[in-house]
Amino acid sequence: IRANEPHCIPSITSEEVIAFVIRINWYYMWNICADYIDAAKIHT
């Protein structure tokens, strides 16, 4: 999910859902990852 992208879990069919969430800062993408990922891909 990208920044500012609407998202939710509108329906749960099991008794509960456990999700593990990783949130990535833009600083990390443009500084650390930019050495390994093409800039056009990061932009996308």
PDB file of all heavy atoms in Angstrom:
ATOM      1  N   ILE A   1       0.846  -1.198   0.000  1.00  0.00           N
ATOM      2  CA  ILE A   1       0.000   0.000   0.000  1.00  0.00           C
ATOM      3  C   ILE A   1       0.879   1.244   0.000  1.00  0.00           C
ATOM      4  O   ILE A   1       1.816   1.359   0.800  1.00  0.00           O
ATOM      5  CB  ILE A   1      -0.913   0.028   1.237  1.00  0.00           C
ATOM      6  CG1 ILE A   1      -1.798  -1.226   1.261  1.00  0.00           C
ATOM      7  CG2 ILE A   1      -1.774   1.274   1.264  1.00  0.00           C
ATOM      8  CD1 ILE A   1      -1.848  -1.896   2.591  1.00  0.00           C
ATOM      9  N   ARG A   2       0.576   2.167  -0.902  1.00  0.00           N
ATOM     10  CA  ARG A   2       1.369   3.396  -0.992  1.00  0.00           C
ATOM     11  C   ARG A   2       0.834   4.471  -0.052  1.00  0.00           C
ATOM     12  O   ARG A   2      -0.299   4.378   0.439  1.00  0.00           O
ATOM     13  CB  ARG A   2       1.377   3.896  -2.434  1.00  0.00           C
ATOM     14  CG  ARG A   2       2.161   2.975  -3.343  1.00  0.00           C
ATOM     15  CD  ARG A   2       2.125   3.416  -4.771  1.00  0.00           C
ATOM     16  NE  ARG A   2       0.817   3.244  -5.370  1.00  0.00           N
ATOM     17  CZ  ARG A   2       0.610   3.285  -6.682  1.00  0.00           C
ATOM     18  NH1 ARG A   2       1.621   3.499  -7.501  1.00  0.00           N
ATOM     19  NH2 ARG A   2      -0.600   3.122  -7.182  1.00  0.00           N
ATOM     20  N   ALA A   3       1.640   5.487   0.194  1.00  0.00           N
ATOM     21  CA  ALA A   3       1.224   6.599   1.038  1.00  0.00           C
ATOM     22  C   ALA A   3      -0.049   7.222   0.487  1.00  0.00           C
ATOM     23  O   ALA A   3      -0.194   7.394  -0.726  1.00  0.00           O
ATOM     24  CB  ALA A   3       2.332   7.644   1.117  1.00  0.00           C
ATOM     25  N   ASN A   4      -0.963   7.524   1.381  1.00  0.00           N
ATOM     26  CA  ASN A   4      -2.238   8.160   1.029  1.00  0.00           C
ATOM     27  C   ASN A   4      -3.166   7.281   0.199  1.00  0.00           C
ATOM     28  O   ASN A   4      -4.134   7.778  -0.375  1.00  0.00           O
ATOM     29  CB  ASN A   4      -2.012   9.491   0.298  1.00  0.00           C
ATOM     30  CG  ASN A   4      -1.490  10.558   1.223  1.00  0.00           C
ATOM     31  OD1 ASN A   4      -1.874  10.603   2.389  1.00  0.00           O
ATOM     32  ND2 ASN A   4      -0.607  11.396   0.721  1.00  0.00           N
ATOM     33  N   GLU A   5      -2.877   5.986   0.120  1.00  0.00           N
ATOM     34  CA  GLU A   5      -3.748   5.085  -0.640  1.00  0.00           C
ATOM     35  C   GLU A   5      -4.812   4.496   0.289  1.00  0.00           C
ATOM     36  O   GLU A   5      -4.477   3.869   1.297  1.00  0.00           O
ATOM     37  CB  GLU A   5      -2.932   3.966  -1.274  1.00  0.00           C
ATOM     38  CG  GLU A   5      -3.712   3.138  -2.264  1.00  0.00           C
ATOM     39  CD  GLU A   5      -2.803   2.315  -3.160  1.00  0.00           C
ATOM     40  OE1 GLU A   5      -1.746   1.855  -2.686  1.00  0.00           O
ATOM     41  OE2 GLU A   5      -3.154   2.142  -4.336  1.00  0.00           O
ATOM     42  N   PRO A   6      -6.105   4.680  -0.020  1.00  0.00           N
ATOM     43  CA  PRO A   6      -7.166   4.146   0.850  1.00  0.00           C
ATOM     44  C   PRO A   6      -7.083   2.621   0.931  1.00  0.00           C
ATOM     45  O   PRO A   6      -6.878   1.951  -0.075  1.00  0.00           O
ATOM     46  CB  PRO A   6      -8.457   4.592   0.149  1.00  0.00           C
ATOM     47  CG  PRO A   6      -8.053   5.717  -0.745  1.00  0.00           C
ATOM     48  CD  PRO A   6      -6.656   5.408  -1.174  1.00  0.00           C
ATOM     49  N   HIS A   7      -7.251   2.079   2.132  1.00  0.00           N
ATOM     50  CA  HIS A   7      -7.227   0.633   2.304  1.00  0.00           C
ATOM     51  C   HIS A   7      -7.944   0.258   3.598  1.00  0.00           C
ATOM     52  O   HIS A   7      -8.027   1.062   4.527  1.00  0.00           O
ATOM     53  CB  HIS A   7      -5.787   0.112   2.327  1.00  0.00           C
ATOM     54  CG  HIS A   7      -4.934   0.718   3.391  1.00  0.00           C
ATOM     55  ND1 HIS A   7      -4.423   1.990   3.291  1.00  0.00           N
ATOM     56  CD2 HIS A   7      -4.503   0.238   4.580  1.00  0.00           C
ATOM     57  CE1 HIS A   7      -3.713   2.273   4.367  1.00  0.00           C
ATOM     58  NE2 HIS A   7      -3.746   1.229   5.179  1.00  0.00           N
ATOM     59  N   CYS A   8      -8.482  -0.941   3.646  1.00  0.00           N
ATOM     60  CA  CYS A   8      -9.179  -1.396   4.846  1.00  0.00           C
ATOM     61  C   CYS A   8      -9.485  -2.881   4.730  1.00  0.00           C
ATOM     62  O   CYS A   8      -9.275  -3.504   3.686  1.00  0.00           O
ATOM     63  CB  CYS A   8     -10.479  -0.613   5.051  1.00  0.00           C
ATOM     64  SG  CYS A   8     -11.758  -0.981   3.829  1.00  0.00           S
ATOM     65  N   ILE A   9      -9.988  -3.460   5.837  1.00  0.00           N
ATOM     66  CA  ILE A   9     -10.506  -4.823   5.860  1.00  0.00           C
ATOM     67  C   ILE A   9     -12.001  -4.702   6.155  1.00  0.00           C
ATOM     68  O   ILE A   9     -12.413  -4.623   7.314  1.00  0.00           O
ATOM     69  CB  ILE A   9      -9.798  -5.683   6.929  1.00  0.00           C
ATOM     70  CG1 ILE A   9      -8.304  -5.782   6.619  1.00  0.00           C
ATOM     71  CG2 ILE A   9     -10.414  -7.078   6.999  1.00  0.00           C
ATOM     72  CD1 ILE A   9      -7.509  -6.579   7.638  1.00  0.00           C
ATOM     73  N   PRO A  10     -12.842  -4.654   5.112  1.00  0.00           N
ATOM     74  CA  PRO A  10     -14.272  -4.438   5.318  1.00  0.00           C
ATOM     75  C   PRO A  10     -15.030  -5.674   5.795  1.00  0.00           C
ATOM     76  O   PRO A  10     -16.157  -5.567   6.276  1.00  0.00           O
ATOM     77  CB  PRO A  10     -14.759  -4.003   3.930  1.00  0.00           C
ATOM     78  CG  PRO A  10     -13.829  -4.681   2.986  1.00  0.00           C
ATOM     79  CD  PRO A  10     -12.492  -4.699   3.682  1.00  0.00           C
ATOM     80  N   SER A  11     -14.417  -6.859   5.639  1.00  0.00           N
ATOM     81  CA  SER A  11     -15.117  -8.083   6.016  1.00  0.00           C
ATOM     82  C   SER A  11     -14.136  -9.119   6.539  1.00  0.00           C
ATOM     83  O   SER A  11     -13.074  -9.339   5.943  1.00  0.00           O
ATOM     84  CB  SER A  11     -15.873  -8.647   4.801  1.00  0.00           C
ATOM     85  OG  SER A  11     -16.481  -9.879   5.108  1.00  0.00           O
ATOM     86  N   ILE A  12     -14.488  -9.747   7.672  1.00  0.00           N
ATOM     87  CA  ILE A  12     -13.676 -10.808   8.257  1.00  0.00           C
ATOM     88  C   ILE A  12     -14.535 -12.059   8.361  1.00  0.00           C
ATOM     89  O   ILE A  12     -15.629 -12.034   8.945  1.00  0.00           O
ATOM     90  CB  ILE A  12     -13.168 -10.409   9.658  1.00  0.00           C
ATOM     91  CG1 ILE A  12     -12.220  -9.203   9.544  1.00  0.00           C
ATOM     92  CG2 ILE A  12     -12.456 -11.581  10.336  1.00  0.00           C
ATOM     93  CD1 ILE A  12     -11.779  -8.654  10.886  1.00  0.00           C
ATOM     94  N   THR A  13     -14.084 -13.172   7.779  1.00  0.00           N
ATOM     95  CA  THR A  13     -14.864 -14.407   7.800  1.00  0.00           C
ATOM     96  C   THR A  13     -14.394 -15.374   8.880  1.00  0.00           C
ATOM     97  O   THR A  13     -15.109 -16.310   9.228  1.00  0.00           O
ATOM     98  CB  THR A  13     -14.801 -15.096   6.427  1.00  0.00           C
ATOM     99  OG1 THR A  13     -13.426 -15.289   6.058  1.00  0.00           O
ATOM    100  CG2 THR A  13     -15.476 -14.245   5.363  1.00  0.00           C
ATOM    101  N   SER A  14     -13.184 -15.180   9.414  1.00  0.00           N
ATOM    102  CA  SER A  14     -12.697 -15.965  10.541  1.00  0.00           C
ATOM    103  C   SER A  14     -13.029 -15.211  11.825  1.00  0.00           C
ATOM    104  O   SER A  14     -13.562 -14.098  11.787  1.00  0.00           O
ATOM    105  CB  SER A  14     -11.186 -16.192  10.416  1.00  0.00           C
ATOM    106  OG  SER A  14     -10.521 -14.951  10.258  1.00  0.00           O
ATOM    107  N   GLU A  15     -12.738 -15.794  12.970  1.00  0.00           N
ATOM    108  CA  GLU A  15     -13.044 -15.120  14.233  1.00  0.00           C
ATOM    109  C   GLU A  15     -12.191 -13.876  14.427  1.00  0.00           C
ATOM    110  O   GLU A  15     -12.628 -12.894  15.027  1.00  0.00           O
ATOM    111  CB  GLU A  15     -12.840 -16.092  15.406  1.00  0.00           C
ATOM    112  CG  GLU A  15     -13.901 -17.171  15.500  1.00  0.00           C
ATOM    113  CD  GLU A  15     -15.312 -16.584  15.587  1.00  0.00           C
ATOM    114  OE1 GLU A  15     -15.525 -15.669  16.402  1.00  0.00           O
ATOM    115  OE2 GLU A  15     -16.185 -17.040  14.821  1.00  0.00           O
ATOM    116  N   GLU A  16     -10.957 -13.923  13.926  1.00  0.00           N
ATOM    117  CA  GLU A  16     -10.069 -12.767  14.050  1.00  0.00           C
ATOM    118  C   GLU A  16      -9.012 -12.807  12.952  1.00  0.00           C
ATOM    119  O   GLU A  16      -8.813 -13.822  12.294  1.00  0.00           O
ATOM    120  CB  GLU A  16      -9.395 -12.721  15.429  1.00  0.00           C
ATOM    121  CG  GLU A  16      -8.491 -13.893  15.716  1.00  0.00           C
ATOM    122  CD  GLU A  16      -7.877 -13.843  17.104  1.00  0.00           C
ATOM    123  OE1 GLU A  16      -8.482 -13.231  18.004  1.00  0.00           O
ATOM    124  OE2 GLU A  16      -6.789 -14.420  17.282  1.00  0.00           O
ATOM    125  N   VAL A  17      -8.379 -11.664  12.773  1.00  0.00           N
ATOM    126  CA  VAL A  17      -7.292 -11.549  11.794  1.00  0.00           C
ATOM    127  C   VAL A  17      -6.099 -10.920  12.492  1.00  0.00           C
ATOM    128  O   VAL A  17      -6.234  -9.892  13.175  1.00  0.00           O
ATOM    129  CB  VAL A  17      -7.707 -10.680  10.588  1.00  0.00           C
ATOM    130  CG1 VAL A  17      -6.494 -10.362   9.706  1.00  0.00           C
ATOM    131  CG2 VAL A  17      -8.778 -11.372   9.769  1.00  0.00           C
ATOM    132  N   ILE A  18      -4.943 -11.536  12.333  1.00  0.00           N
ATOM    133  CA  ILE A  18      -3.695 -10.957  12.830  1.00  0.00           C
ATOM    134  C   ILE A  18      -2.828 -10.609  11.621  1.00  0.00           C
ATOM    135  O   ILE A  18      -2.557 -11.474  10.781  1.00  0.00           O
ATOM    136  CB  ILE A  18      -2.933 -11.914  13.762  1.00  0.00           C
ATOM    137  CG1 ILE A  18      -3.780 -12.227  15.009  1.00  0.00           C
ATOM    138  CG2 ILE A  18      -1.583 -11.332  14.154  1.00  0.00           C
ATOM    139  CD1 ILE A  18      -3.144 -13.222  15.950  1.00  0.00           C
ATOM    140  N   ALA A  19      -2.461  -9.358  11.529  1.00  0.00           N
ATOM    141  CA  ALA A  19      -1.612  -8.900  10.420  1.00  0.00           C
ATOM    142  C   ALA A  19      -0.324  -8.313  10.986  1.00  0.00           C
ATOM    143  O   ALA A  19      -0.323  -7.666  12.032  1.00  0.00           O
ATOM    144  CB  ALA A  19      -2.345  -7.863   9.581  1.00  0.00           C
ATOM    145  N   PHE A  20       0.761  -8.561  10.266  1.00  0.00           N
ATOM    146  CA  PHE A  20       2.063  -7.983  10.608  1.00  0.00           C
ATOM    147  C   PHE A  20       2.310  -6.854   9.624  1.00  0.00           C
ATOM    148  O   PHE A  20       2.267  -7.054   8.409  1.00  0.00           O
ATOM    149  CB  PHE A  20       3.149  -9.040  10.504  1.00  0.00           C
ATOM    150  CG  PHE A  20       4.544  -8.545  10.785  1.00  0.00           C
ATOM    151  CD1 PHE A  20       4.856  -7.972  12.011  1.00  0.00           C
ATOM    152  CD2 PHE A  20       5.536  -8.660   9.828  1.00  0.00           C
ATOM    153  CE1 PHE A  20       6.145  -7.533  12.280  1.00  0.00           C
ATOM    154  CE2 PHE A  20       6.820  -8.218  10.080  1.00  0.00           C
ATOM    155  CZ  PHE A  20       7.132  -7.653  11.314  1.00  0.00           C
ATOM    156  N   VAL A  21       2.550  -5.658  10.142  1.00  0.00           N
ATOM    157  CA  VAL A  21       2.642  -4.463   9.310  1.00  0.00           C
ATOM    158  C   VAL A  21       4.065  -3.915   9.310  1.00  0.00           C
ATOM    159  O   VAL A  21       4.689  -3.771  10.367  1.00  0.00           O
ATOM    160  CB  VAL A  21       1.666  -3.370   9.800  1.00  0.00           C
ATOM    161  CG1 VAL A  21       1.811  -2.101   8.974  1.00  0.00           C
ATOM    162  CG2 VAL A  21       0.237  -3.890   9.745  1.00  0.00           C
ATOM    163  N   ILE A  22       4.575  -3.620   8.115  1.00  0.00           N
ATOM    164  CA  ILE A  22       5.871  -2.951   7.956  1.00  0.00           C
ATOM    165  C   ILE A  22       5.596  -1.619   7.269  1.00  0.00           C
ATOM    166  O   ILE A  22       5.024  -1.595   6.173  1.00  0.00           O
ATOM    167  CB  ILE A  22       6.848  -3.776   7.107  1.00  0.00           C
ATOM    168  CG1 ILE A  22       7.026  -5.173   7.694  1.00  0.00           C
ATOM    169  CG2 ILE A  22       8.200  -3.062   6.994  1.00  0.00           C
ATOM    170  CD1 ILE A  22       7.833  -6.115   6.801  1.00  0.00           C
ATOM    171  N   ARG A  23       5.973  -0.517   7.888  1.00  0.00           N
ATOM    172  CA  ARG A  23       5.799   0.804   7.284  1.00  0.00           C
ATOM    173  C   ARG A  23       7.170   1.367   6.906  1.00  0.00           C
ATOM    174  O   ARG A  23       8.068   1.446   7.729  1.00  0.00           O
ATOM    175  CB  ARG A  23       5.063   1.750   8.231  1.00  0.00           C
ATOM    176  CG  ARG A  23       3.592   1.411   8.348  1.00  0.00           C
ATOM    177  CD  ARG A  23       2.814   2.513   9.024  1.00  0.00           C
ATOM    178  NE  ARG A  23       1.383   2.235   9.017  1.00  0.00           N
ATOM    179  CZ  ARG A  23       0.489   3.026   9.562  1.00  0.00           C
ATOM    180  NH1 ARG A  23       0.864   4.157  10.150  1.00  0.00           N
ATOM    181  NH2 ARG A  23      -0.795   2.723   9.526  1.00  0.00           N
ATOM    182  N   ILE A  24       7.284   1.756   5.646  1.00  0.00           N
ATOM    183  CA  ILE A  24       8.561   2.185   5.078  1.00  0.00           C
ATOM    184  C   ILE A  24       8.562   3.702   4.884  1.00  0.00           C
ATOM    185  O   ILE A  24       7.687   4.249   4.206  1.00  0.00           O
ATOM    186  CB  ILE A  24       8.823   1.511   3.714  1.00  0.00           C
ATOM    187  CG1 ILE A  24       8.555  -0.004   3.797  1.00  0.00           C
ATOM    188  CG2 ILE A  24      10.234   1.824   3.225  1.00  0.00           C
ATOM    189  CD1 ILE A  24       9.485  -0.757   4.672  1.00  0.00           C
ATOM    190  N   ASN A  25       9.564   4.376   5.450  1.00  0.00           N
ATOM    191  CA  ASN A  25       9.670   5.826   5.310  1.00  0.00           C
ATOM    192  C   ASN A  25      10.209   6.192   3.923  1.00  0.00           C
ATOM    193  O   ASN A  25      11.051   5.489   3.360  1.00  0.00           O
ATOM    194  CB  ASN A  25      10.614   6.367   6.391  1.00  0.00           C
ATOM    195  CG  ASN A  25      10.553   7.863   6.531  1.00  0.00           C
ATOM    196  OD1 ASN A  25      10.862   8.602   5.603  1.00  0.00           O
ATOM    197  ND2 ASN A  25      10.173   8.319   7.707  1.00  0.00           N
ATOM    198  N   TRP A  26       9.715   7.316   3.351  1.00  0.00           N
ATOM    199  CA  TRP A  26      10.209   7.782   2.044  1.00  0.00           C
ATOM    200  C   TRP A  26      11.714   8.007   2.082  1.00  0.00           C
ATOM    201  O   TRP A  26      12.410   7.793   1.083  1.00  0.00           O
ATOM    202  CB  TRP A  26       9.501   9.085   1.644  1.00  0.00           C
ATOM    203  CG  TRP A  26       9.836  10.239   2.535  1.00  0.00           C
ATOM    204  CD1 TRP A  26       9.176  10.638   3.663  1.00  0.00           C
ATOM    205  CD2 TRP A  26      10.953  11.126   2.407  1.00  0.00           C
ATOM    206  NE1 TRP A  26       9.796  11.711   4.246  1.00  0.00           N
ATOM    207  CE2 TRP A  26      10.899  12.041   3.494  1.00  0.00           C
ATOM    208  CE3 TRP A  26      11.998  11.247   1.493  1.00  0.00           C
ATOM    209  CZ2 TRP A  26      11.843  13.046   3.681  1.00  0.00           C
ATOM    210  CZ3 TRP A  26      12.944  12.252   1.680  1.00  0.00           C
ATOM    211  CH2 TRP A  26      12.849  13.133   2.771  1.00  0.00           C
ATOM    212  N   TYR A  27      12.235   8.432   3.220  1.00  0.00           N
ATOM    213  CA  TYR A  27      13.676   8.674   3.379  1.00  0.00           C
ATOM    214  C   TYR A  27      14.455   7.388   3.085  1.00  0.00           C
ATOM    215  O   TYR A  27      15.499   7.413   2.414  1.00  0.00           O
ATOM    216  CB  TYR A  27      13.953   9.154   4.801  1.00  0.00           C
ATOM    217  CG  TYR A  27      15.419   9.316   5.135  1.00  0.00           C
ATOM    218  CD1 TYR A  27      16.075  10.517   4.906  1.00  0.00           C
ATOM    219  CD2 TYR A  27      16.143   8.265   5.693  1.00  0.00           C
ATOM    220  CE1 TYR A  27      17.423  10.661   5.216  1.00  0.00           C
ATOM    221  CE2 TYR A  27      17.487   8.397   5.997  1.00  0.00           C
ATOM    222  CZ  TYR A  27      18.116   9.602   5.749  1.00  0.00           C
ATOM    223  OH  TYR A  27      19.447   9.730   6.045  1.00  0.00           O
ATOM    224  N   TYR A  28      13.956   6.271   3.576  1.00  0.00           N
ATOM    225  CA  TYR A  28      14.601   4.982   3.359  1.00  0.00           C
ATOM    226  C   TYR A  28      14.587   4.609   1.880  1.00  0.00           C
ATOM    227  O   TYR A  28      15.585   4.123   1.331  1.00  0.00           O
ATOM    228  CB  TYR A  28      13.887   3.918   4.185  1.00  0.00           C
ATOM    229  CG  TYR A  28      14.506   2.551   4.125  1.00  0.00           C
ATOM    230  CD1 TYR A  28      15.808   2.336   4.572  1.00  0.00           C
ATOM    231  CD2 TYR A  28      13.788   1.448   3.657  1.00  0.00           C
ATOM    232  CE1 TYR A  28      16.383   1.084   4.540  1.00  0.00           C
ATOM    233  CE2 TYR A  28      14.354   0.187   3.623  1.00  0.00           C
ATOM    234  CZ  TYR A  28      15.653   0.009   4.067  1.00  0.00           C
ATOM    235  OH  TYR A  28      16.220  -1.230   4.029  1.00  0.00           O
ATOM    236  N   MET A  29      13.453   4.851   1.212  1.00  0.00           N
ATOM    237  CA  MET A  29      13.343   4.504  -0.201  1.00  0.00           C
ATOM    238  C   MET A  29      14.315   5.302  -1.052  1.00  0.00           C
ATOM    239  O   MET A  29      14.999   4.752  -1.919  1.00  0.00           O
ATOM    240  CB  MET A  29      11.907   4.744  -0.690  1.00  0.00           C
ATOM    241  CG  MET A  29      10.860   3.851  -0.040  1.00  0.00           C
ATOM    242  SD  MET A  29      11.126   2.087  -0.325  1.00  0.00           S
ATOM    243  CE  MET A  29      10.983   1.975  -2.110  1.00  0.00           C
ATOM    244  N   TRP A  30      14.399   6.618  -0.807  1.00  0.00           N
ATOM    245  CA  TRP A  30      15.209   7.476  -1.678  1.00  0.00           C
ATOM    246  C   TRP A  30      16.686   7.525  -1.293  1.00  0.00           C
ATOM    247  O   TRP A  30      17.506   8.024  -2.046  1.00  0.00           O
ATOM    248  CB  TRP A  30      14.648   8.889  -1.702  1.00  0.00           C
ATOM    249  CG  TRP A  30      13.506   9.041  -2.654  1.00  0.00           C
ATOM    250  CD1 TRP A  30      12.228   9.375  -2.347  1.00  0.00           C
ATOM    251  CD2 TRP A  30      13.527   8.872  -4.079  1.00  0.00           C
ATOM    252  NE1 TRP A  30      11.444   9.412  -3.482  1.00  0.00           N
ATOM    253  CE2 TRP A  30      12.221   9.106  -4.554  1.00  0.00           C
ATOM    254  CE3 TRP A  30      14.520   8.529  -4.997  1.00  0.00           C
ATOM    255  CZ2 TRP A  30      11.875   9.024  -5.906  1.00  0.00           C
ATOM    256  CZ3 TRP A  30      14.175   8.438  -6.337  1.00  0.00           C
ATOM    257  CH2 TRP A  30      12.877   8.691  -6.789  1.00  0.00           C
ATOM    258  N   ASN A  31      17.045   7.016  -0.119  1.00  0.00           N
ATOM    259  CA  ASN A  31      18.435   7.075   0.306  1.00  0.00           C
ATOM    260  C   ASN A  31      19.090   5.697   0.339  1.00  0.00           C
ATOM    261  O   ASN A  31      20.099   5.485  -0.319  1.00  0.00           O
ATOM    262  CB  ASN A  31      18.528   7.749   1.676  1.00  0.00           C
ATOM    263  CG  ASN A  31      18.299   9.230   1.583  1.00  0.00           C
ATOM    264  OD1 ASN A  31      19.230  10.008   1.439  1.00  0.00           O
ATOM    265  ND2 ASN A  31      17.044   9.652   1.645  1.00  0.00           N
ATOM    266  N   ILE A  32      18.548   4.792   1.108  1.00  0.00           N
ATOM    267  CA  ILE A  32      19.151   3.459   1.212  1.00  0.00           C
ATOM    268  C   ILE A  32      18.816   2.620  -0.023  1.00  0.00           C
ATOM    269  O   ILE A  32      19.691   2.083  -0.694  1.00  0.00           O
ATOM    270  CB  ILE A  32      18.668   2.739   2.483  1.00  0.00           C
ATOM    271  CG1 ILE A  32      18.832   3.641   3.713  1.00  0.00           C
ATOM    272  CG2 ILE A  32      19.420   1.417   2.642  1.00  0.00           C
ATOM    273  CD1 ILE A  32      20.238   4.071   3.991  1.00  0.00           C
ATOM    274  N   CYS A  33      17.530   2.538  -0.349  1.00  0.00           N
ATOM    275  CA  CYS A  33      17.105   1.669  -1.454  1.00  0.00           C
ATOM    276  C   CYS A  33      17.553   2.173  -2.816  1.00  0.00           C
ATOM    277  O   CYS A  33      17.703   1.389  -3.753  1.00  0.00           O
ATOM    278  CB  CYS A  33      15.581   1.520  -1.444  1.00  0.00           C
ATOM    279  SG  CYS A  33      14.941   0.682   0.015  1.00  0.00           S
ATOM    280  N   ALA A  34      17.774   3.477  -2.939  1.00  0.00           N
ATOM    281  CA  ALA A  34      18.145   4.054  -4.231  1.00  0.00           C
ATOM    282  C   ALA A  34      19.477   3.522  -4.752  1.00  0.00           C
ATOM    283  O   ALA A  34      19.755   3.607  -5.951  1.00  0.00           O
ATOM    284  CB  ALA A  34      18.194   5.577  -4.130  1.00  0.00           C
ATOM    285  N   ASP A  35      20.295   2.963  -3.867  1.00  0.00           N
ATOM    286  CA  ASP A  35      21.558   2.366  -4.309  1.00  0.00           C
ATOM    287  C   ASP A  35      21.347   0.986  -4.939  1.00  0.00           C
ATOM    288  O   ASP A  35      22.258   0.452  -5.569  1.00  0.00           O
ATOM    289  CB  ASP A  35      22.522   2.224  -3.120  1.00  0.00           C
ATOM    290  CG  ASP A  35      23.072   3.564  -2.663  1.00  0.00           C
ATOM    291  OD1 ASP A  35      23.088   4.508  -3.474  1.00  0.00           O
ATOM    292  OD2 ASP A  35      23.466   3.673  -1.486  1.00  0.00           O
ATOM    293  N   TYR A  36      20.145   0.421  -4.756  1.00  0.00           N
ATOM    294  CA  TYR A  36      19.902  -0.944  -5.213  1.00  0.00           C
ATOM    295  C   TYR A  36      18.679  -1.074  -6.121  1.00  0.00           C
ATOM    296  O   TYR A  36      18.524  -2.099  -6.796  1.00  0.00           O
ATOM    297  CB  TYR A  36      19.706  -1.868  -4.005  1.00  0.00           C
ATOM    298  CG  TYR A  36      20.844  -1.798  -3.020  1.00  0.00           C
ATOM    299  CD1 TYR A  36      20.784  -0.942  -1.916  1.00  0.00           C
ATOM    300  CD2 TYR A  36      21.992  -2.567  -3.197  1.00  0.00           C
ATOM    301  CE1 TYR A  36      21.831  -0.868  -1.009  1.00  0.00           C
ATOM    302  CE2 TYR A  36      23.047  -2.498  -2.299  1.00  0.00           C
ATOM    303  CZ  TYR A  36      22.960  -1.642  -1.201  1.00  0.00           C
ATOM    304  OH  TYR A  36      23.997  -1.560  -0.311  1.00  0.00           O
ATOM    305  N   ILE A  37      17.804  -0.066  -6.106  1.00  0.00           N
ATOM    306  CA  ILE A  37      16.581  -0.113  -6.903  1.00  0.00           C
ATOM    307  C   ILE A  37      16.587   1.057  -7.876  1.00  0.00           C
ATOM    308  O   ILE A  37      16.892   2.195  -7.494  1.00  0.00           O
ATOM    309  CB  ILE A  37      15.326  -0.036  -6.012  1.00  0.00           C
ATOM    310  CG1 ILE A  37      15.319  -1.191  -5.002  1.00  0.00           C
ATOM    311  CG2 ILE A  37      14.050  -0.090  -6.854  1.00  0.00           C
ATOM    312  CD1 ILE A  37      14.183  -1.110  -3.989  1.00  0.00           C
ATOM    313  N   ASP A  38      16.257   0.799  -9.124  1.00  0.00           N
ATOM    314  CA  ASP A  38      16.202   1.836 -10.142  1.00  0.00           C
ATOM    315  C   ASP A  38      15.270   2.966  -9.700  1.00  0.00           C
ATOM    316  O   ASP A  38      14.180   2.720  -9.168  1.00  0.00           O
ATOM    317  CB  ASP A  38      15.705   1.225 -11.457  1.00  0.00           C
ATOM    318  CG  ASP A  38      15.667   2.245 -12.579  1.00  0.00           C
ATOM    319  OD1 ASP A  38      16.721   2.512 -13.162  1.00  0.00           O
ATOM    320  OD2 ASP A  38      14.572   2.768 -12.842  1.00  0.00           O
ATOM    321  N   ALA A  39      15.679   4.216  -9.933  1.00  0.00           N
ATOM    322  CA  ALA A  39      14.901   5.378  -9.491  1.00  0.00           C
ATOM    323  C   ALA A  39      13.499   5.395 -10.076  1.00  0.00           C
ATOM    324  O   ALA A  39      12.538   5.815  -9.423  1.00  0.00           O
ATOM    325  CB  ALA A  39      15.636   6.671  -9.855  1.00  0.00           C
ATOM    326  N   ALA A  40      13.354   4.942 -11.326  1.00  0.00           N
ATOM    327  CA  ALA A  40      12.029   4.912 -11.952  1.00  0.00           C
ATOM    328  C   ALA A  40      11.104   3.937 -11.224  1.00  0.00           C
ATOM    329  O   ALA A  40       9.904   4.199 -11.082  1.00  0.00           O
ATOM    330  CB  ALA A  40      12.150   4.519 -13.420  1.00  0.00           C
ATOM    331  N   LYS A  41      11.651   2.838 -10.743  1.00  0.00           N
ATOM    332  CA  LYS A  41      10.840   1.875  -9.997  1.00  0.00           C
ATOM    333  C   LYS A  41      10.432   2.439  -8.646  1.00  0.00           C
ATOM    334  O   LYS A  41       9.297   2.247  -8.196  1.00  0.00           O
ATOM    335  CB  LYS A  41      11.600   0.556  -9.830  1.00  0.00           C
ATOM    336  CG  LYS A  41      11.746  -0.232 -11.115  1.00  0.00           C
ATOM    337  CD  LYS A  41      12.381  -1.579 -10.860  1.00  0.00           C
ATOM    338  CE  LYS A  41      12.467  -2.387 -12.159  1.00  0.00           C
ATOM    339  NZ  LYS A  41      13.057  -3.726 -11.934  1.00  0.00           N
ATOM    340  N   ILE A  42      11.360   3.132  -7.978  1.00  0.00           N
ATOM    341  CA  ILE A  42      11.014   3.763  -6.700  1.00  0.00           C
ATOM    342  C   ILE A  42       9.911   4.778  -6.909  1.00  0.00           C
ATOM    343  O   ILE A  42       8.947   4.850  -6.139  1.00  0.00           O
ATOM    344  CB  ILE A  42      12.251   4.421  -6.060  1.00  0.00           C
ATOM    345  CG1 ILE A  42      13.281   3.359  -5.662  1.00  0.00           C
ATOM    346  CG2 ILE A  42      11.844   5.244  -4.830  1.00  0.00           C
ATOM    347  CD1 ILE A  42      14.553   3.922  -5.083  1.00  0.00           C
ATOM    348  N   HIS A  43      10.040   5.574  -7.952  1.00  0.00           N
ATOM    349  CA  HIS A  43       9.030   6.588  -8.259  1.00  0.00           C
ATOM    350  C   HIS A  43       7.666   5.929  -8.471  1.00  0.00           C
ATOM    351  O   HIS A  43       6.644   6.420  -7.966  1.00  0.00           O
ATOM    352  CB  HIS A  43       9.443   7.349  -9.516  1.00  0.00           C
ATOM    353  CG  HIS A  43       8.450   8.390  -9.949  1.00  0.00           C
ATOM    354  ND1 HIS A  43       8.277   9.567  -9.262  1.00  0.00           N
ATOM    355  CD2 HIS A  43       7.575   8.412 -10.975  1.00  0.00           C
ATOM    356  CE1 HIS A  43       7.334  10.287  -9.866  1.00  0.00           C
ATOM    357  NE2 HIS A  43       6.899   9.599 -10.903  1.00  0.00           N
ATOM    358  N   THR A  44       7.638   4.815  -9.179  1.00  0.00           N
ATOM    359  CA  THR A  44       6.386   4.106  -9.416  1.00  0.00           C
ATOM    360  C   THR A  44       5.823   3.539  -8.122  1.00  0.00           C
ATOM    361  O   THR A  44       4.619   3.589  -7.871  1.00  0.00           O
ATOM    362  CB  THR A  44       6.601   2.951 -10.423  1.00  0.00           C
ATOM    363  OG1 THR A  44       7.104   3.489 -11.648  1.00  0.00           O
ATOM    364  CG2 THR A  44       5.314   2.206 -10.693  1.00  0.00           C
TER     365      THR A  44
END
